[in-house]
């Protein structure tokens, strides 16, 4: 139970190479990004159509 509550307040962590999608205002606006790196400033993601850019970890979801 404690792990569940604690997870609500943690920043999501992504491993380099993992594929992600980005949510914006309740819908997915970018798909098939690949995580390059994650720092305290954010997640560096390489997008197929938009190039490389920094994203907030809270806006990303990992593809399964």
PDB file of N, CA and C in Angstrom:
ATOM      1  N   UNK A   1       0.821  -1.196   0.000  1.00  0.00           N
ATOM      2  CA  UNK A   1       0.000   0.000   0.000  1.00  0.00           C
ATOM      3  C   UNK A   1       0.869   1.266   0.000  1.00  0.00           C
ATOM      4  N   UNK A   2       1.941   1.211   0.793  1.00  0.00           N
ATOM      5  CA  UNK A   2       2.828   2.366   0.874  1.00  0.00           C
ATOM      6  C   UNK A   2       3.484   2.652  -0.473  1.00  0.00           C
ATOM      7  N   UNK A   3       3.880   1.585  -1.204  1.00  0.00           N
ATOM      8  CA  UNK A   3       4.506   1.771  -2.515  1.00  0.00           C
ATOM      9  C   UNK A   3       3.547   2.429  -3.493  1.00  0.00           C
ATOM     10  N   UNK A   4       2.288   2.071  -3.433  1.00  0.00           N
ATOM     11  CA  UNK A   4       1.289   2.667  -4.317  1.00  0.00           C
ATOM     12  C   UNK A   4       1.150   4.160  -4.048  1.00  0.00           C
ATOM     13  N   UNK A   5       1.022   4.534  -2.806  1.00  0.00           N
ATOM     14  CA  UNK A   5       0.874   5.950  -2.447  1.00  0.00           C
ATOM     15  C   UNK A   5       2.138   6.727  -2.814  1.00  0.00           C
ATOM     16  N   UNK A   6       3.292   6.144  -2.538  1.00  0.00           N
ATOM     17  CA  UNK A   6       4.558   6.808  -2.855  1.00  0.00           C
ATOM     18  C   UNK A   6       4.722   7.011  -4.363  1.00  0.00           C
ATOM     19  N   UNK A   7       4.213   6.078  -5.167  1.00  0.00           N
ATOM     20  CA  UNK A   7       4.365   6.177  -6.620  1.00  0.00           C
ATOM     21  C   UNK A   7       3.629   7.376  -7.208  1.00  0.00           C
ATOM     22  N   UNK A   8       2.597   7.875  -6.536  1.00  0.00           N
ATOM     23  CA  UNK A   8       1.870   9.045  -7.028  1.00  0.00           C
ATOM     24  C   UNK A   8       2.717  10.314  -6.986  1.00  0.00           C
ATOM     25  N   UNK A   9       3.746  10.340  -6.155  1.00  0.00           N
ATOM     26  CA  UNK A   9       4.553  11.537  -5.965  1.00  0.00           C
ATOM     27  C   UNK A   9       5.949  11.430  -6.575  1.00  0.00           C
ATOM     28  N   UNK A  10       6.257  10.323  -7.222  1.00  0.00           N
ATOM     29  CA  UNK A  10       7.572  10.142  -7.823  1.00  0.00           C
ATOM     30  C   UNK A  10       7.563  10.550  -9.290  1.00  0.00           C
ATOM     31  N   UNK A  11       8.712  10.992  -9.761  1.00  0.00           N
ATOM     32  CA  UNK A  11       8.884  11.298 -11.180  1.00  0.00           C
ATOM     33  C   UNK A  11       9.101   9.989 -11.928  1.00  0.00           C
ATOM     34  N   UNK A  12       8.375   9.772 -13.021  1.00  0.00           N
ATOM     35  CA  UNK A  12       8.582   8.541 -13.793  1.00  0.00           C
ATOM     36  C   UNK A  12      10.012   8.454 -14.325  1.00  0.00           C
ATOM     37  N   UNK A  13      10.567   7.253 -14.341  1.00  0.00           N
ATOM     38  CA  UNK A  13      11.925   7.037 -14.838  1.00  0.00           C
ATOM     39  C   UNK A  13      11.850   6.159 -16.082  1.00  0.00           C
ATOM     40  N   UNK A  14      12.604   6.548 -17.113  1.00  0.00           N
ATOM     41  CA  UNK A  14      12.621   5.825 -18.376  1.00  0.00           C
ATOM     42  C   UNK A  14      14.042   5.382 -18.690  1.00  0.00           C
ATOM     43  N   UNK A  15      14.177   4.169 -19.164  1.00  0.00           N
ATOM     44  CA  UNK A  15      15.473   3.618 -19.553  1.00  0.00           C
ATOM     45  C   UNK A  15      15.765   4.048 -20.992  1.00  0.00           C
ATOM     46  N   UNK A  16      17.018   4.355 -21.280  1.00  0.00           N
ATOM     47  CA  UNK A  16      17.409   4.740 -22.644  1.00  0.00           C
ATOM     48  C   UNK A  16      17.046   3.624 -23.619  1.00  0.00           C
ATOM     49  N   UNK A  17      16.465   4.016 -24.750  1.00  0.00           N
ATOM     50  CA  UNK A  17      16.081   3.060 -25.778  1.00  0.00           C
ATOM     51  C   UNK A  17      14.627   2.646 -25.743  1.00  0.00           C
ATOM     52  N   UNK A  18      13.940   2.970 -24.663  1.00  0.00           N
ATOM     53  CA  UNK A  18      12.532   2.583 -24.539  1.00  0.00           C
ATOM     54  C   UNK A  18      11.670   3.468 -25.437  1.00  0.00           C
ATOM     55  N   UNK A  19      10.572   2.927 -25.953  1.00  0.00           N
ATOM     56  CA  UNK A  19       9.680   3.696 -26.830  1.00  0.00           C
ATOM     57  C   UNK A  19       8.578   4.335 -25.999  1.00  0.00           C
ATOM     58  N   UNK A  20       8.258   5.596 -26.333  1.00  0.00           N
ATOM     59  CA  UNK A  20       7.270   6.350 -25.569  1.00  0.00           C
ATOM     60  C   UNK A  20       6.317   7.108 -26.490  1.00  0.00           C
ATOM     61  N   UNK A  21       5.171   7.472 -25.929  1.00  0.00           N
ATOM     62  CA  UNK A  21       4.216   8.377 -26.561  1.00  0.00           C
ATOM     63  C   UNK A  21       4.087   9.594 -25.663  1.00  0.00           C
ATOM     64  N   UNK A  22       3.650  10.725 -26.215  1.00  0.00           N
ATOM     65  CA  UNK A  22       3.472  11.932 -25.415  1.00  0.00           C
ATOM     66  C   UNK A  22       2.006  12.331 -25.387  1.00  0.00           C
ATOM     67  N   UNK A  23       1.509  12.621 -24.174  1.00  0.00           N
ATOM     68  CA  UNK A  23       0.151  13.121 -23.988  1.00  0.00           C
ATOM     69  C   UNK A  23       0.164  14.637 -23.931  1.00  0.00           C
ATOM     70  N   UNK A  24      -0.816  15.269 -24.561  1.00  0.00           N
ATOM     71  CA  UNK A  24      -0.977  16.715 -24.491  1.00  0.00           C
ATOM     72  C   UNK A  24      -2.463  17.008 -24.425  1.00  0.00           C
ATOM     73  N   UNK A  25      -2.891  17.627 -23.342  1.00  0.00           N
ATOM     74  CA  UNK A  25      -4.296  17.982 -23.127  1.00  0.00           C
ATOM     75  C   UNK A  25      -5.239  16.792 -23.284  1.00  0.00           C
ATOM     76  N   UNK A  26      -4.847  15.670 -22.721  1.00  0.00           N
ATOM     77  CA  UNK A  26      -5.726  14.508 -22.686  1.00  0.00           C
ATOM     78  C   UNK A  26      -5.698  13.600 -23.896  1.00  0.00           C
ATOM     79  N   UNK A  27      -4.858  13.895 -24.879  1.00  0.00           N
ATOM     80  CA  UNK A  27      -4.768  13.001 -26.038  1.00  0.00           C
ATOM     81  C   UNK A  27      -3.305  12.823 -26.442  1.00  0.00           C
ATOM     82  N   UNK A  28      -3.041  11.762 -27.159  1.00  0.00           N
ATOM     83  CA  UNK A  28      -1.681  11.488 -27.616  1.00  0.00           C
ATOM     84  C   UNK A  28      -1.397  12.340 -28.843  1.00  0.00           C
ATOM     85  N   UNK A  29      -0.355  13.169 -28.767  1.00  0.00           N
ATOM     86  CA  UNK A  29      -0.035  14.017 -29.919  1.00  0.00           C
ATOM     87  C   UNK A  29       1.274  13.631 -30.606  1.00  0.00           C
ATOM     88  N   UNK A  30       2.114  12.851 -29.946  1.00  0.00           N
ATOM     89  CA  UNK A  30       3.341  12.345 -30.573  1.00  0.00           C
ATOM     90  C   UNK A  30       3.479  10.864 -30.219  1.00  0.00           C
ATOM     91  N   UNK A  31       3.877  10.068 -31.204  1.00  0.00           N
ATOM     92  CA  UNK A  31       3.989   8.626 -30.983  1.00  0.00           C
ATOM     93  C   UNK A  31       5.356   8.113 -31.432  1.00  0.00           C
ATOM     94  N   UNK A  32       5.709   6.952 -30.925  1.00  0.00           N
ATOM     95  CA  UNK A  32       6.918   6.218 -31.324  1.00  0.00           C
ATOM     96  C   UNK A  32       8.217   6.963 -31.064  1.00  0.00           C
ATOM     97  N   UNK A  33       8.276   7.724 -29.987  1.00  0.00           N
ATOM     98  CA  UNK A  33       9.537   8.353 -29.615  1.00  0.00           C
ATOM     99  C   UNK A  33      10.456   7.345 -28.951  1.00  0.00           C
ATOM    100  N   UNK A  34      11.753   7.598 -29.036  1.00  0.00           N
ATOM    101  CA  UNK A  34      12.724   6.728 -28.390  1.00  0.00           C
ATOM    102  C   UNK A  34      13.519   7.555 -27.385  1.00  0.00           C
ATOM    103  N   UNK A  35      13.565   7.096 -26.133  1.00  0.00           N
ATOM    104  CA  UNK A  35      14.270   7.810 -25.070  1.00  0.00           C
ATOM    105  C   UNK A  35      15.772   7.716 -25.313  1.00  0.00           C
ATOM    106  N   UNK A  36      16.425   8.882 -25.304  1.00  0.00           N
ATOM    107  CA  UNK A  36      17.876   8.946 -25.468  1.00  0.00           C
ATOM    108  C   UNK A  36      18.538   9.022 -24.098  1.00  0.00           C
ATOM    109  N   UNK A  37      18.003   9.877 -23.212  1.00  0.00           N
ATOM    110  CA  UNK A  37      18.573  10.053 -21.876  1.00  0.00           C
ATOM    111  C   UNK A  37      17.540  10.701 -20.967  1.00  0.00           C
ATOM    112  N   UNK A  38      17.764  10.582 -19.661  1.00  0.00           N
ATOM    113  CA  UNK A  38      16.920  11.265 -18.684  1.00  0.00           C
ATOM    114  C   UNK A  38      17.817  11.927 -17.653  1.00  0.00           C
ATOM    115  N   UNK A  39      17.532  13.208 -17.385  1.00  0.00           N
ATOM    116  CA  UNK A  39      18.271  13.968 -16.383  1.00  0.00           C
ATOM    117  C   UNK A  39      17.266  14.610 -15.438  1.00  0.00           C
ATOM    118  N   UNK A  40      17.764  15.412 -14.508  1.00  0.00           N
ATOM    119  CA  UNK A  40      16.877  16.133 -13.597  1.00  0.00           C
ATOM    120  C   UNK A  40      16.041  17.167 -14.344  1.00  0.00           C
ATOM    121  N   UNK A  41      16.510  17.609 -15.518  1.00  0.00           N
ATOM    122  CA  UNK A  41      15.790  18.610 -16.313  1.00  0.00           C
ATOM    123  C   UNK A  41      14.666  18.024 -17.150  1.00  0.00           C
ATOM    124  N   UNK A  42      14.709  16.740 -17.429  1.00  0.00           N
ATOM    125  CA  UNK A  42      13.673  16.118 -18.247  1.00  0.00           C
ATOM    126  C   UNK A  42      14.190  14.907 -18.995  1.00  0.00           C
ATOM    127  N   UNK A  43      13.417  14.499 -19.994  1.00  0.00           N
ATOM    128  CA  UNK A  43      13.746  13.317 -20.786  1.00  0.00           C
ATOM    129  C   UNK A  43      14.043  13.760 -22.215  1.00  0.00           C
ATOM    130  N   UNK A  44      15.184  13.356 -22.729  1.00  0.00           N
ATOM    131  CA  UNK A  44      15.543  13.649 -24.111  1.00  0.00           C
ATOM    132  C   UNK A  44      14.968  12.534 -24.977  1.00  0.00           C
ATOM    133  N   UNK A  45      14.054  12.916 -25.895  1.00  0.00           N
ATOM    134  CA  UNK A  45      13.358  11.938 -26.732  1.00  0.00           C
ATOM    135  C   UNK A  45      13.613  12.257 -28.197  1.00  0.00           C
ATOM    136  N   UNK A  46      13.883  11.218 -28.972  1.00  0.00           N
ATOM    137  CA  UNK A  46      14.048  11.356 -30.417  1.00  0.00           C
ATOM    138  C   UNK A  46      12.735  10.929 -31.074  1.00  0.00           C
ATOM    139  N   UNK A  47      12.069  11.905 -31.727  1.00  0.00           N
ATOM    140  CA  UNK A  47      10.792  11.647 -32.384  1.00  0.00           C
ATOM    141  C   UNK A  47      11.020  11.411 -33.869  1.00  0.00           C
ATOM    142  N   UNK A  48      10.281  10.478 -34.490  1.00  0.00           N
ATOM    143  CA  UNK A  48      10.482  10.194 -35.911  1.00  0.00           C
ATOM    144  C   UNK A  48      10.186  11.389 -36.820  1.00  0.00           C
ATOM    145  N   UNK A  49       9.209  12.216 -36.471  1.00  0.00           N
ATOM    146  CA  UNK A  49       8.825  13.340 -37.338  1.00  0.00           C
ATOM    147  C   UNK A  49       9.232  14.708 -36.802  1.00  0.00           C
ATOM    148  N   UNK A  50       9.545  14.801 -35.525  1.00  0.00           N
ATOM    149  CA  UNK A  50       9.792  16.106 -34.910  1.00  0.00           C
ATOM    150  C   UNK A  50      11.230  16.296 -34.455  1.00  0.00           C
ATOM    151  N   UNK A  51      12.108  15.353 -34.729  1.00  0.00           N
ATOM    152  CA  UNK A  51      13.493  15.472 -34.295  1.00  0.00           C
ATOM    153  C   UNK A  51      13.646  15.152 -32.819  1.00  0.00           C
ATOM    154  N   UNK A  52      14.690  15.669 -32.225  1.00  0.00           N
ATOM    155  CA  UNK A  52      14.996  15.400 -30.827  1.00  0.00           C
ATOM    156  C   UNK A  52      14.589  16.587 -29.970  1.00  0.00           C
ATOM    157  N   UNK A  53      14.031  16.303 -28.790  1.00  0.00           N
ATOM    158  CA  UNK A  53      13.632  17.381 -27.900  1.00  0.00           C
ATOM    159  C   UNK A  53      13.482  16.912 -26.465  1.00  0.00           C
ATOM    160  N   UNK A  54      13.530  17.884 -25.549  1.00  0.00           N
ATOM    161  CA  UNK A  54      13.361  17.597 -24.123  1.00  0.00           C
ATOM    162  C   UNK A  54      11.880  17.575 -23.782  1.00  0.00           C
ATOM    163  N   UNK A  55      11.467  16.587 -23.013  1.00  0.00           N
ATOM    164  CA  UNK A  55      10.073  16.442 -22.602  1.00  0.00           C
ATOM    165  C   UNK A  55      10.005  16.272 -21.092  1.00  0.00           C
ATOM    166  N   UNK A  56       8.884  16.667 -20.529  1.00  0.00           N
ATOM    167  CA  UNK A  56       8.633  16.433 -19.112  1.00  0.00           C
ATOM    168  C   UNK A  56       8.285  14.958 -18.915  1.00  0.00           C
ATOM    169  N   UNK A  57       8.851  14.297 -17.911  1.00  0.00           N
ATOM    170  CA  UNK A  57       8.553  12.878 -17.705  1.00  0.00           C
ATOM    171  C   UNK A  57       7.067  12.607 -17.434  1.00  0.00           C
ATOM    172  N   UNK A  58       6.366  13.581 -16.865  1.00  0.00           N
ATOM    173  CA  UNK A  58       4.949  13.396 -16.549  1.00  0.00           C
ATOM    174  C   UNK A  58       4.071  13.343 -17.792  1.00  0.00           C
ATOM    175  N   UNK A  59       4.556  13.830 -18.931  1.00  0.00           N
ATOM    176  CA  UNK A  59       3.748  13.833 -20.153  1.00  0.00           C
ATOM    177  C   UNK A  59       3.984  12.600 -21.016  1.00  0.00           C
ATOM    178  N   UNK A  60       4.898  11.727 -20.603  1.00  0.00           N
ATOM    179  CA  UNK A  60       5.244  10.564 -21.419  1.00  0.00           C
ATOM    180  C   UNK A  60       4.656   9.284 -20.842  1.00  0.00           C
ATOM    181  N   UNK A  61       4.328   8.355 -21.730  1.00  0.00           N
ATOM    182  CA  UNK A  61       3.927   7.019 -21.293  1.00  0.00           C
ATOM    183  C   UNK A  61       4.695   6.000 -22.123  1.00  0.00           C
ATOM    184  N   UNK A  62       5.129   4.950 -21.467  1.00  0.00           N
ATOM    185  CA  UNK A  62       5.933   3.930 -22.126  1.00  0.00           C
ATOM    186  C   UNK A  62       5.046   2.992 -22.934  1.00  0.00           C
ATOM    187  N   UNK A  63       5.487   2.663 -24.133  1.00  0.00           N
ATOM    188  CA  UNK A  63       4.769   1.686 -24.954  1.00  0.00           C
ATOM    189  C   UNK A  63       5.077   0.290 -24.440  1.00  0.00           C
ATOM    190  N   UNK A  64       4.065  -0.552 -24.471  1.00  0.00           N
ATOM    191  CA  UNK A  64       4.241  -1.934 -23.981  1.00  0.00           C
ATOM    192  C   UNK A  64       4.270  -2.880 -25.143  1.00  0.00           C
TER     193      UNK A  64
END
